[in-house]
């Protein structure tokens, strides 16, 4: 027994040493994602792709994540589980009250599931106010079918469909506030629930269930214990309604990875298994980690059991999944020269857009916004956003403001629990460059000219953000003080382009381009 313990401790020590040997210095690039040497460093996606769900179809992997009040659910694709690109978006608006007037902050799509069945890709999600939704597509690149409001009900969350071997369809879900886990029978076409559902598990903040059937067992993969402090539980039974056995399979343990849960068990064509989960990393959001996984006695074993208590812990570095070919190192695109007549997939509107008030064709090669009336930035329509990416980054845009109207505000935003803005405004016939903190203008100065370069320098590790501006695109000066950001409305920090008018629906502005450099592994291979 003593020799066995020493052997196991030796393995654990070797794994720790292996991981430490690949840890980068805090100031180096490529501190996450694909390292180009056959390994990856967690997080694999260092951006707010919260509540990730992943499936494999053939040799490719597809991911969805919750978007809340930002529209409208991005589909990501990968060939190796580590390098991801944006492929499509599922929907473009919610046709329900309050979505045209920005009244659903923290609402919208919560914890979706993606599955492949009967030659189609299926996505299910709940919103806290409007209920259960479904969309499907034969091609994950789209088009996706119009959203079906399967069940119009409040306070449901985290649905997952499942089609059994006999064709019977089911839907698992939980309730706002997390728990219990309820399973319904569902029509095979995913458009109707056939019963009131049966409770199969109650637990400490049990939510986000994913349903699998492997080797005759039904498995419910459930995050428990809350977003930042929880763990991953697996339930198994020979009957979909239970009774279920329970096993905790992943916890923070001795690591600094808080709340490692809420994700997906996925296999590869080579028989390897991995587990996707998020980590709450303030203020960046909930970032995506990838853990090694294998099976023992028909239970999944996730991560590495560093402290030998029978529960896995997250790894920092690991060998990439085998694919049999060389992958292109990349992360989801961020830049945009606005040369297309369609929005690039990284952009998401805050609530429903007013499509008559923005254009990519009115001024070729530019994004044009016509101002809509709003009392403040938070109520402004047509605010276009994208996720911040990585620990450090610099986002810059060139804005042309030759057609400002009285009362108009436009520029670059840093969006979180509090919103910070840099931009151009016209008040009392004068044009100003201004810095705003959550509705209060802290600094402004008169300015002349036709265009301006606006920049955000972001450091998520230090939680330090700074706006800068330039009139020649070469010499930048700081505008306003540096500031800290806070995770808010269930979302991490975002960058936004905005335009609104407090007095009338007059004036317009154009953005010539948007460039975003960050510390991700694709810095030399950006789309």
Protein backbone atom coordinates (compact mmCIF):
# COMPACT_ATOMS: atom_id res chain seq x y z
CA UNK A 1 0.00 0.00 0.00
CA UNK A 2 2.82 2.40 0.91
CA UNK A 3 4.48 1.85 -2.49
CA UNK A 4 1.14 2.44 -4.23
CA UNK A 5 0.65 5.76 -2.43
CA UNK A 6 4.19 6.85 -3.27
CA UNK A 7 3.61 5.89 -6.91
CA UNK A 8 0.36 7.89 -7.10
CA UNK A 9 1.98 10.87 -5.43
CA UNK A 10 4.77 10.62 -7.96
CA UNK A 11 2.28 10.74 -10.85
CA UNK A 12 0.54 13.74 -9.33
CA UNK A 13 3.84 15.53 -8.85
CA UNK A 14 4.90 14.78 -12.42
CA UNK A 15 1.63 16.23 -13.76
CA UNK A 16 2.05 19.37 -11.66
CA UNK A 17 5.65 19.75 -12.85
CA UNK A 18 4.57 19.22 -16.46
CA UNK A 19 1.92 21.92 -16.12
CA UNK A 20 4.28 24.36 -14.41
CA UNK A 21 6.92 23.87 -17.11
CA UNK A 22 4.50 25.35 -19.66
CA UNK A 23 3.19 28.24 -17.58
CA UNK A 24 4.07 31.52 -19.34
CA UNK A 25 5.37 34.59 -17.63
CA UNK A 26 2.67 37.18 -16.81
CA UNK A 27 3.97 39.60 -19.44
CA UNK A 28 4.34 37.19 -22.36
CA UNK A 29 1.98 36.78 -25.27
CA UNK A 30 0.14 33.53 -25.99
CA UNK A 31 -0.88 33.05 -22.37
CA UNK A 32 -4.01 31.12 -23.29
CA UNK A 33 -5.33 28.85 -26.01
CA UNK A 34 -3.25 26.90 -28.52
CA UNK A 35 0.48 27.17 -27.77
CA UNK A 36 1.62 25.85 -31.15
CA UNK A 37 3.58 22.99 -29.56
CA UNK A 38 0.86 20.39 -29.21
CA UNK A 39 -0.45 21.80 -25.94
CA UNK A 40 -3.04 24.34 -24.89
CA UNK A 41 -3.28 26.65 -21.90
CA UNK A 42 -6.63 27.27 -20.24
CA UNK A 43 -8.76 29.15 -20.89
CA UNK A 44 -8.99 28.03 -24.50
CA UNK A 45 -11.43 30.89 -25.19
CA UNK A 46 -10.53 33.84 -23.02
CA UNK A 47 -13.76 35.71 -23.58
CA UNK A 48 -17.29 35.70 -22.20
CA UNK A 49 -18.74 32.62 -23.90
CA UNK A 50 -20.75 31.81 -20.81
CA UNK A 51 -22.63 28.53 -20.18
CA UNK A 52 -20.94 26.79 -23.14
CA UNK A 53 -22.41 23.70 -24.74
CA UNK A 54 -20.49 21.72 -27.36
CA UNK A 55 -21.22 18.78 -29.64
CA UNK A 56 -19.23 16.85 -32.23
CA UNK A 57 -20.68 16.05 -35.65
CA UNK A 58 -18.25 14.08 -37.79
CA UNK A 59 -14.83 15.68 -37.45
CA UNK A 60 -16.05 19.09 -36.35
CA UNK A 61 -17.22 20.61 -33.09
CA UNK A 62 -19.92 23.22 -32.55
CA UNK A 63 -20.39 25.52 -29.58
CA UNK A 64 -23.15 27.80 -28.33
CA UNK A 65 -23.21 30.06 -25.29
CA UNK A 66 -25.69 32.28 -23.50
CA UNK A 67 -26.00 35.85 -24.79
CA UNK A 68 -28.65 37.30 -22.47
CA UNK A 69 -29.82 40.70 -23.78
CA UNK A 70 -27.29 40.79 -26.61
CA UNK A 71 -28.60 39.37 -29.91
CA UNK A 72 -28.59 36.70 -31.24
CA UNK A 73 -26.66 33.57 -30.18
CA UNK A 74 -23.42 32.88 -32.01
CA UNK A 75 -22.51 29.44 -33.38
CA UNK A 76 -18.80 28.61 -33.21
CA UNK A 77 -16.96 25.86 -35.09
CA UNK A 78 -13.70 24.05 -34.39
CA UNK A 79 -11.73 21.15 -35.80
CA UNK A 80 -9.73 20.46 -32.64
CA UNK A 81 -11.77 21.74 -29.64
CA UNK A 82 -9.16 24.45 -28.97
CA UNK A 83 -9.21 26.81 -31.96
CA UNK A 84 -12.62 28.33 -32.68
CA UNK A 85 -14.17 30.57 -35.32
CA UNK A 86 -17.58 32.20 -35.57
CA UNK A 87 -19.88 30.46 -38.02
CA UNK A 88 -23.37 31.97 -37.77
CA UNK A 89 -25.99 33.60 -35.57
CA UNK A 90 -29.33 31.98 -34.74
CA UNK A 91 -31.72 34.93 -34.39
CA UNK A 92 -31.72 38.71 -34.82
CA UNK A 93 -34.51 39.93 -32.54
CA UNK A 94 -37.11 39.04 -29.93
CA UNK A 95 -40.63 40.03 -30.91
CA UNK A 96 -41.87 40.50 -27.37
CA UNK A 97 -42.65 43.56 -25.23
CA UNK A 98 -39.69 45.51 -23.91
CA UNK A 99 -37.14 44.39 -26.49
CA UNK A 100 -37.54 47.58 -28.55
CA UNK A 101 -37.17 49.74 -25.43
CA UNK A 102 -34.16 48.11 -23.73
CA UNK A 103 -36.10 46.70 -20.79
CA UNK A 104 -34.55 43.23 -20.63
CA UNK A 105 -31.05 43.70 -19.25
CA UNK A 106 -29.95 40.29 -17.85
CA UNK A 107 -32.90 38.70 -19.71
CA UNK A 108 -32.70 37.02 -23.10
CA UNK A 109 -31.03 33.70 -23.82
CA UNK A 110 -29.80 31.75 -20.80
CA UNK A 111 -27.65 28.57 -20.97
CA UNK A 112 -28.55 27.05 -24.36
CA UNK A 113 -28.08 23.46 -25.54
CA UNK A 114 -27.06 22.34 -29.00
CA UNK A 115 -27.71 18.83 -30.33
CA UNK A 116 -27.63 17.00 -33.66
CA UNK A 117 -30.53 14.67 -34.46
CA UNK A 118 -32.33 13.42 -37.57
CA UNK A 119 -29.97 15.32 -39.87
CA UNK A 120 -30.54 18.65 -38.13
CA UNK A 121 -28.83 20.85 -35.59
CA UNK A 122 -31.14 21.83 -32.75
CA UNK A 123 -30.81 24.66 -30.25
CA UNK A 124 -32.98 25.10 -27.18
CA UNK A 125 -32.80 27.90 -24.63
CA UNK A 126 -34.99 29.71 -22.13
CA UNK A 127 -35.43 33.38 -21.39
CA UNK A 128 -36.58 34.33 -17.87
CA UNK A 129 -39.58 36.29 -19.16
CA UNK A 130 -40.73 34.62 -22.39
CA UNK A 131 -40.09 30.92 -21.84
CA UNK A 132 -38.69 28.03 -23.88
CA UNK A 133 -37.41 28.55 -27.44
CA UNK A 134 -36.23 26.25 -30.22
CA UNK A 135 -34.52 26.71 -33.57
CA UNK A 136 -33.00 24.21 -35.97
CA UNK A 137 -30.94 24.08 -39.16
CA UNK A 138 -29.64 21.46 -41.54
CA UNK A 139 -26.41 23.47 -41.85
CA UNK A 140 -24.88 25.05 -38.71
CA UNK A 141 -23.77 27.97 -40.89
CA UNK A 142 -27.46 28.72 -41.33
CA UNK A 143 -30.03 29.69 -42.14
CA UNK A 144 -31.59 28.88 -38.77
CA UNK A 145 -35.33 28.48 -38.56
CA UNK A 146 -37.36 31.26 -36.93
CA UNK A 147 -37.54 30.90 -33.16
CA UNK A 148 -40.42 28.75 -31.92
CA UNK A 149 -41.71 29.75 -28.49
CA UNK A 150 -42.32 26.15 -27.43
CA UNK A 151 -43.71 27.11 -24.05
CA UNK A 152 -44.53 30.68 -23.03
CA UNK A 153 -43.77 30.65 -19.33
CA UNK A 154 -41.69 32.64 -16.84
CA UNK A 155 -38.68 31.51 -14.79
CA UNK A 156 -37.66 28.34 -16.60
CA UNK A 157 -33.99 27.92 -17.40
CA UNK A 158 -31.26 25.75 -18.92
CA UNK A 159 -33.14 23.30 -21.18
CA UNK A 160 -31.58 20.31 -22.93
CA UNK A 161 -33.31 18.09 -25.52
CA UNK A 162 -32.71 14.36 -25.78
CA UNK A 163 -33.96 11.80 -28.31
CA UNK A 164 -33.87 8.24 -27.03
CA UNK A 165 -33.11 5.12 -29.05
CA UNK A 166 -36.82 4.47 -29.63
CA UNK A 167 -37.35 8.00 -31.02
CA UNK A 168 -39.06 9.36 -27.91
CA UNK A 169 -37.97 12.93 -27.26
CA UNK A 170 -37.43 14.47 -23.84
CA UNK A 171 -36.48 17.85 -22.47
CA UNK A 172 -34.62 18.43 -19.23
CA UNK A 173 -34.69 21.82 -17.51
CA UNK A 174 -34.45 23.62 -14.19
CA UNK A 175 -36.18 26.59 -12.58
CA UNK A 176 -34.95 30.14 -12.06
CA UNK A 177 -32.95 30.16 -8.85
CA UNK A 178 -31.45 26.80 -9.80
CA UNK A 179 -33.29 23.56 -9.23
CA UNK A 180 -34.89 21.14 -9.23
CA UNK A 181 -34.11 19.19 -12.41
CA UNK A 182 -37.31 18.36 -14.31
CA UNK A 183 -37.71 16.08 -17.34
CA UNK A 184 -40.60 16.39 -19.83
CA UNK A 185 -41.67 14.22 -22.70
CA UNK A 186 -41.48 16.24 -25.92
CA UNK A 187 -42.75 15.88 -29.46
CA UNK A 188 -40.00 14.57 -31.79
CA UNK A 189 -40.09 17.81 -33.80
CA UNK A 190 -39.25 19.81 -30.67
CA UNK A 191 -42.27 22.09 -30.92
CA UNK A 192 -44.37 20.82 -27.99
CA UNK A 193 -43.97 19.49 -24.48
CA UNK A 194 -46.26 16.52 -23.88
CA UNK A 195 -46.60 16.60 -20.10
CA UNK A 196 -46.05 18.72 -17.01
CA UNK A 197 -42.68 17.13 -16.36
CA UNK A 198 -41.29 14.96 -13.59
CA UNK A 199 -38.76 16.08 -10.98
CA UNK A 200 -35.78 13.71 -11.04
CA UNK A 201 -33.28 15.55 -8.84
CA UNK A 202 -33.12 18.32 -6.25
CA UNK A 203 -29.76 19.59 -5.15
CA UNK A 204 -27.83 22.58 -3.97
CA UNK A 205 -28.31 25.08 -6.80
CA UNK A 206 -28.70 22.35 -9.45
CA UNK A 207 -29.01 23.72 -12.97
CA UNK A 208 -27.68 23.55 -16.52
CA UNK A 209 -28.34 19.84 -17.03
CA UNK A 210 -27.10 18.09 -20.15
CA UNK A 211 -28.51 14.65 -21.02
CA UNK A 212 -26.45 11.80 -22.48
CA UNK A 213 -27.00 8.08 -22.98
CA UNK A 214 -23.81 5.99 -22.96
CA UNK A 215 -23.43 2.23 -22.49
CA UNK A 216 -27.03 1.88 -21.37
CA UNK A 217 -26.83 4.60 -18.71
CA UNK A 218 -28.64 7.91 -18.79
CA UNK A 219 -26.27 10.61 -17.57
CA UNK A 220 -27.31 14.03 -16.33
CA UNK A 221 -24.37 16.41 -16.22
CA UNK A 222 -25.24 19.12 -13.69
CA UNK A 223 -23.39 22.17 -12.36
CA UNK A 224 -24.15 22.70 -8.69
CA UNK A 225 -23.31 25.18 -5.96
CA UNK A 226 -23.49 28.47 -7.86
CA UNK A 227 -21.58 30.22 -10.64
CA UNK A 228 -18.34 31.17 -8.88
CA UNK A 229 -18.17 28.60 -6.09
CA UNK A 230 -19.72 25.45 -7.51
CA UNK A 231 -18.66 22.05 -8.80
CA UNK A 232 -19.68 19.54 -11.46
CA UNK A 233 -22.01 16.69 -10.57
CA UNK A 234 -22.84 13.66 -12.70
CA UNK A 235 -26.01 11.62 -12.18
CA UNK A 236 -26.56 8.21 -13.77
CA UNK A 237 -29.43 5.76 -14.01
CA UNK A 238 -30.73 2.97 -16.21
CA UNK A 239 -34.06 4.85 -16.41
CA UNK A 240 -34.36 8.42 -17.62
CA UNK A 241 -36.63 9.23 -14.67
CA UNK A 242 -34.26 7.66 -12.16
CA UNK A 243 -33.58 6.93 -9.41
CA UNK A 244 -30.16 8.46 -10.07
CA UNK A 245 -26.80 7.75 -8.48
CA UNK A 246 -24.68 10.84 -7.84
CA UNK A 247 -20.97 11.58 -8.14
CA UNK A 248 -19.09 14.88 -7.91
CA UNK A 249 -16.47 14.75 -10.68
CA UNK A 250 -14.84 18.21 -10.81
CA UNK A 251 -14.11 20.86 -8.19
CA UNK A 252 -11.80 23.82 -7.65
CA UNK A 253 -9.75 21.91 -5.09
CA UNK A 254 -6.22 23.26 -4.78
CA UNK A 255 -6.41 25.27 -8.02
CA UNK A 256 -7.28 28.92 -8.63
CA UNK A 257 -10.03 27.98 -11.10
CA UNK A 258 -13.27 28.91 -9.34
CA UNK A 259 -16.62 27.30 -10.12
CA UNK A 260 -15.41 24.73 -12.70
CA UNK A 261 -18.74 23.51 -14.03
CA UNK A 262 -21.60 24.09 -16.53
CA UNK A 263 -20.46 22.58 -19.75
CA UNK A 264 -20.28 19.62 -22.09
CA UNK A 265 -18.85 16.10 -22.28
CA UNK A 266 -17.59 15.51 -25.83
CA UNK A 267 -15.73 12.64 -27.47
CA UNK A 268 -13.39 12.71 -30.46
CA UNK A 269 -13.25 10.40 -33.50
CA UNK A 270 -10.10 8.91 -31.91
CA UNK A 271 -11.94 7.88 -28.75
CA UNK A 272 -10.64 10.63 -26.48
CA UNK A 273 -13.01 12.50 -24.17
CA UNK A 274 -12.91 16.11 -22.97
CA UNK A 275 -15.09 18.35 -20.84
CA UNK A 276 -15.86 22.02 -21.50
CA UNK A 277 -16.71 24.36 -18.63
CA UNK A 278 -16.54 28.01 -17.74
CA UNK A 279 -14.70 29.95 -15.06
CA UNK A 280 -15.94 33.25 -13.68
CA UNK A 281 -13.04 35.64 -14.30
CA UNK A 282 -13.93 39.18 -13.31
CA UNK A 283 -14.31 41.49 -15.09
CA UNK A 284 -13.72 39.61 -18.35
CA UNK A 285 -16.69 37.33 -17.78
CA UNK A 286 -17.14 33.58 -17.89
CA UNK A 287 -14.29 32.16 -19.94
CA UNK A 288 -14.08 28.68 -21.48
CA UNK A 289 -11.80 25.92 -20.20
CA UNK A 290 -11.16 22.45 -21.62
CA UNK A 291 -10.44 19.50 -19.33
CA UNK A 292 -9.18 16.01 -20.12
CA UNK A 293 -11.70 13.30 -19.33
CA UNK A 294 -11.82 9.51 -19.27
CA UNK A 295 -14.17 6.81 -18.01
CA UNK A 296 -13.77 4.56 -14.99
CA UNK A 297 -16.44 2.10 -13.87
CA UNK A 298 -18.95 3.89 -16.14
CA UNK A 299 -18.29 7.23 -14.43
CA UNK A 300 -16.57 10.16 -16.12
CA UNK A 301 -13.28 11.26 -14.55
CA UNK A 302 -12.61 14.92 -15.35
CA UNK A 303 -9.37 16.86 -14.85
CA UNK A 304 -6.69 15.53 -12.52
CA UNK A 305 -7.21 14.48 -8.91
CA UNK A 306 -4.33 16.50 -7.48
CA UNK A 307 -5.23 16.07 -3.82
CA UNK A 308 -6.26 12.40 -4.18
CA UNK A 309 -9.77 12.90 -2.74
CA UNK A 310 -11.49 11.14 -5.60
CA UNK A 311 -12.62 14.35 -7.35
CA UNK A 312 -10.88 15.86 -10.36
CA UNK A 313 -9.46 19.38 -10.45
CA UNK A 314 -8.95 21.65 -13.46
CA UNK A 315 -5.66 21.60 -15.32
CA UNK A 316 -3.86 24.68 -16.58
CA UNK A 317 -2.06 23.07 -19.51
CA UNK A 318 -2.70 19.85 -21.40
CA UNK A 319 -2.06 18.03 -24.64
CA UNK A 320 -4.43 19.00 -27.44
CA UNK A 321 -6.98 16.47 -28.70
CA UNK A 322 -5.68 14.34 -31.57
CA UNK A 323 -7.01 15.24 -35.00
CA UNK A 324 -4.52 13.67 -37.39
CA UNK A 325 -3.74 17.02 -38.98
CA UNK A 326 -2.24 20.41 -38.22
CA UNK A 327 -4.70 23.01 -36.99
CA UNK A 328 -4.66 26.68 -37.87
CA UNK A 329 -4.20 28.66 -34.66
CA UNK A 330 -7.03 31.13 -34.37
CA UNK A 331 -9.69 32.66 -32.15
CA UNK A 332 -13.01 34.28 -33.05
CA UNK A 333 -12.59 37.31 -35.29
CA UNK A 334 -12.62 40.82 -33.83
CA UNK A 335 -11.57 43.29 -36.58
CA UNK A 336 -13.89 44.82 -39.14
CA UNK A 337 -13.28 47.14 -42.10
CA UNK A 338 -17.04 47.31 -42.78
CA UNK A 339 -16.50 46.39 -46.43
CA UNK A 340 -19.25 43.74 -46.41
CA UNK A 341 -22.94 44.48 -46.80
CA UNK A 342 -23.56 42.20 -43.79
CA UNK A 343 -22.41 42.64 -40.22
CA UNK A 344 -19.48 40.50 -39.19
CA UNK A 345 -20.50 37.74 -36.83
CA UNK A 346 -18.68 39.10 -33.77
CA UNK A 347 -21.09 42.06 -33.57
CA UNK A 348 -24.23 41.82 -31.45
CA UNK A 349 -26.85 44.48 -30.83
CA UNK A 350 -27.88 45.50 -27.33
CA UNK A 351 -31.59 44.55 -27.40
CA UNK A 352 -33.49 44.79 -30.70
CA UNK A 353 -31.92 46.97 -33.39
CA UNK A 354 -33.81 49.49 -35.47
CA UNK A 355 -32.61 48.26 -38.84
CA UNK A 356 -33.66 51.41 -40.71
CA UNK A 357 -31.22 53.41 -38.58
CA UNK A 358 -27.99 51.62 -39.49
CA UNK A 359 -26.39 50.73 -42.81
CA UNK A 360 -23.30 49.15 -44.34
CA UNK A 361 -24.17 50.34 -47.85
CA UNK A 362 -25.19 53.98 -47.40
CA UNK A 363 -21.52 54.95 -47.28
CA UNK A 364 -19.52 52.16 -48.88
CA UNK A 365 -16.88 50.69 -46.62
CA UNK A 366 -18.36 52.28 -43.51
CA UNK A 367 -20.88 51.53 -40.79
CA UNK A 368 -23.39 54.37 -40.69
CA UNK A 369 -25.61 55.06 -37.70
CA UNK A 370 -28.58 57.43 -37.80
CA UNK A 371 -29.28 58.76 -34.35
CA UNK A 372 -32.45 57.65 -32.60
CA UNK A 373 -33.83 59.55 -29.65
CA UNK A 374 -32.88 58.16 -26.23
CA UNK A 375 -32.54 59.61 -22.76
CA UNK A 376 -29.17 57.93 -22.11
CA UNK A 377 -26.67 55.43 -23.42
CA UNK A 378 -28.37 52.58 -21.56
CA UNK A 379 -31.63 53.29 -23.38
CA UNK A 380 -30.01 53.92 -26.76
CA UNK A 381 -31.09 51.75 -29.70
CA UNK A 382 -28.60 50.39 -32.24
CA UNK A 383 -25.70 50.02 -29.83
CA UNK A 384 -23.46 47.46 -31.51
CA UNK A 385 -21.20 45.38 -29.27
CA UNK A 386 -18.65 42.60 -29.21
CA UNK A 387 -16.92 40.63 -26.46
CA UNK A 388 -13.59 41.73 -25.09
CA UNK A 389 -10.93 39.12 -25.75
CA UNK A 390 -7.91 38.12 -23.68
CA UNK A 391 -6.22 39.65 -20.68
CA UNK A 392 -4.80 42.64 -22.53
CA UNK A 393 -6.09 44.35 -25.64
CA UNK A 394 -6.33 47.59 -27.59
CA UNK A 395 -9.45 48.45 -29.59
CA UNK A 396 -9.41 51.40 -31.98
CA UNK A 397 -11.97 52.86 -34.36
CA UNK A 398 -12.02 55.78 -36.78
CA UNK A 399 -15.23 57.82 -36.59
CA UNK A 400 -16.42 60.48 -39.05
CA UNK A 401 -18.76 63.03 -37.45
CA UNK A 402 -19.44 65.60 -40.16
CA UNK A 403 -23.22 65.31 -39.83
CA UNK A 404 -23.79 65.73 -36.12
CA UNK A 405 -27.07 67.18 -34.94
CA UNK A 406 -27.83 69.13 -31.79
CA UNK A 407 -28.16 66.75 -28.85
CA UNK A 408 -26.29 63.89 -30.54
CA UNK A 409 -23.78 61.60 -28.78
CA UNK A 410 -21.66 58.96 -30.53
CA UNK A 411 -18.46 57.04 -30.00
CA UNK A 412 -16.84 54.05 -28.29
CA UNK A 413 -18.19 52.35 -25.16
CA UNK A 414 -16.83 50.01 -22.51
CA UNK A 415 -19.87 48.10 -21.25
CA UNK A 416 -20.33 46.33 -17.91
CA UNK A 417 -22.24 46.82 -14.68
CA UNK A 418 -21.27 50.47 -15.17
CA UNK A 419 -20.80 51.92 -18.64
CA UNK A 420 -17.93 54.19 -19.66
CA UNK A 421 -17.97 56.19 -22.89
CA UNK A 422 -15.67 58.26 -25.03
CA UNK A 423 -17.17 60.17 -27.90
CA UNK A 424 -18.25 63.29 -29.69
CA UNK A 425 -21.30 65.32 -28.70
CA UNK A 426 -22.99 68.45 -29.97
CA UNK A 427 -24.46 70.80 -27.36
CA UNK A 428 -25.57 74.41 -27.77
CA UNK A 429 -24.09 74.54 -31.24
CA UNK A 430 -20.62 73.42 -30.08
CA UNK A 431 -18.85 70.11 -30.70
CA UNK A 432 -17.17 68.35 -27.77
CA UNK A 433 -14.94 65.39 -27.15
CA UNK A 434 -16.16 63.86 -23.90
CA UNK A 435 -15.61 61.11 -21.31
CA UNK A 436 -18.61 59.71 -19.43
CA UNK A 437 -18.98 57.44 -16.42
CA UNK A 438 -22.35 55.71 -16.20
CA UNK A 439 -24.43 58.67 -17.34
CA UNK A 440 -22.30 61.46 -15.87
CA UNK A 441 -19.95 63.42 -18.13
CA UNK A 442 -16.65 63.72 -16.27
CA UNK A 443 -14.60 65.56 -18.87
CA UNK A 444 -15.25 67.42 -22.10
CA UNK A 445 -13.33 69.73 -24.39
CA UNK A 446 -14.27 71.54 -27.56
CA UNK A 447 -13.00 70.00 -30.75
CA UNK A 448 -12.96 70.77 -34.46
CA UNK A 449 -12.46 68.63 -37.53
CA UNK A 450 -14.31 65.90 -39.40
CA UNK A 451 -13.01 62.66 -37.92
CA UNK A 452 -11.41 61.25 -34.80
CA UNK A 453 -9.69 58.05 -33.68
CA UNK A 454 -11.04 56.57 -30.45
CA UNK A 455 -9.22 53.88 -28.50
CA UNK A 456 -9.73 51.64 -25.48
CA UNK A 457 -6.75 50.03 -23.76
CA UNK A 458 -7.91 47.09 -21.64
CA UNK A 459 -6.10 45.11 -18.96
CA UNK A 460 -8.43 42.54 -17.41
CA UNK A 461 -5.80 41.10 -15.06
CA UNK A 462 -5.20 44.47 -13.44
CA UNK A 463 -8.80 45.54 -14.07
CA UNK A 464 -7.56 48.77 -15.56
CA UNK A 465 -9.16 50.44 -18.58
CA UNK A 466 -8.25 53.70 -20.30
CA UNK A 467 -9.73 55.67 -23.19
CA UNK A 468 -7.53 57.60 -25.62
CA UNK A 469 -8.19 59.81 -28.64
CA UNK A 470 -6.27 61.09 -31.63
CA UNK A 471 -7.02 63.48 -34.47
CA UNK A 472 -4.26 62.19 -36.76
CA UNK A 473 -4.27 58.46 -35.95
CA UNK A 474 -0.68 58.66 -34.72
CA UNK A 475 -0.47 60.69 -31.54
CA UNK A 476 -2.94 59.56 -28.85
CA UNK A 477 -3.73 61.25 -25.58
CA UNK A 478 -5.57 59.89 -22.57
CA UNK A 479 -9.15 61.09 -22.18
CA UNK A 480 -10.56 60.91 -18.70
CA UNK A 481 -9.11 58.83 -15.87
CA UNK A 482 -8.43 55.12 -15.95
CA UNK A 483 -11.27 53.04 -14.55
CA UNK A 484 -12.20 49.62 -13.19
CA UNK A 485 -14.94 47.50 -14.72
CA UNK A 486 -17.45 45.16 -13.10
CA UNK A 487 -19.18 42.06 -14.43
CA UNK A 488 -22.88 42.95 -14.69
CA UNK A 489 -26.23 41.66 -15.96
CA UNK A 490 -24.62 38.19 -16.12
CA UNK A 491 -22.20 39.40 -18.79
CA UNK A 492 -18.52 40.21 -18.96
CA UNK A 493 -16.99 43.38 -20.35
CA UNK A 494 -17.89 44.43 -23.89
CA UNK A 495 -16.82 47.04 -26.38
CA UNK A 496 -19.54 48.98 -28.17
CA UNK A 497 -20.13 51.48 -30.96
CA UNK A 498 -23.04 53.81 -30.27
CA UNK A 499 -25.02 56.76 -31.58
CA UNK A 500 -28.09 58.44 -30.07
CA UNK A 501 -29.68 61.85 -29.61
CA UNK A 502 -31.29 63.14 -26.41
CA UNK A 503 -33.39 65.76 -28.21
CA UNK A 504 -34.55 64.33 -31.54
CA UNK A 505 -34.00 61.57 -34.08
CA UNK A 506 -31.54 63.69 -36.06
CA UNK A 507 -27.90 63.38 -37.04
CA UNK A 508 -25.70 60.55 -38.13
CA UNK A 509 -22.16 59.24 -37.76
CA UNK A 510 -19.95 56.79 -39.66
CA UNK A 511 -17.34 54.33 -38.46
CA UNK A 512 -14.62 53.70 -41.03
CA UNK A 513 -13.05 50.64 -39.41
CA UNK A 514 -12.57 48.82 -36.11
CA UNK A 515 -9.29 47.15 -35.10
CA UNK A 516 -8.79 45.07 -31.99
CA UNK A 517 -5.37 43.68 -31.03
CA UNK A 518 -5.27 41.30 -28.07
CA UNK A 519 -2.94 38.82 -26.42
CA UNK A 520 -4.57 35.75 -27.91
CA UNK A 521 -2.69 32.98 -29.73
CA UNK A 522 -3.99 34.14 -33.11
CA UNK A 523 -2.24 37.49 -33.00
CA UNK A 524 -0.39 36.58 -36.21
CA UNK A 525 -3.37 34.81 -37.81
CA UNK A 526 -6.33 37.11 -37.23
CA UNK A 527 -9.31 37.04 -39.61
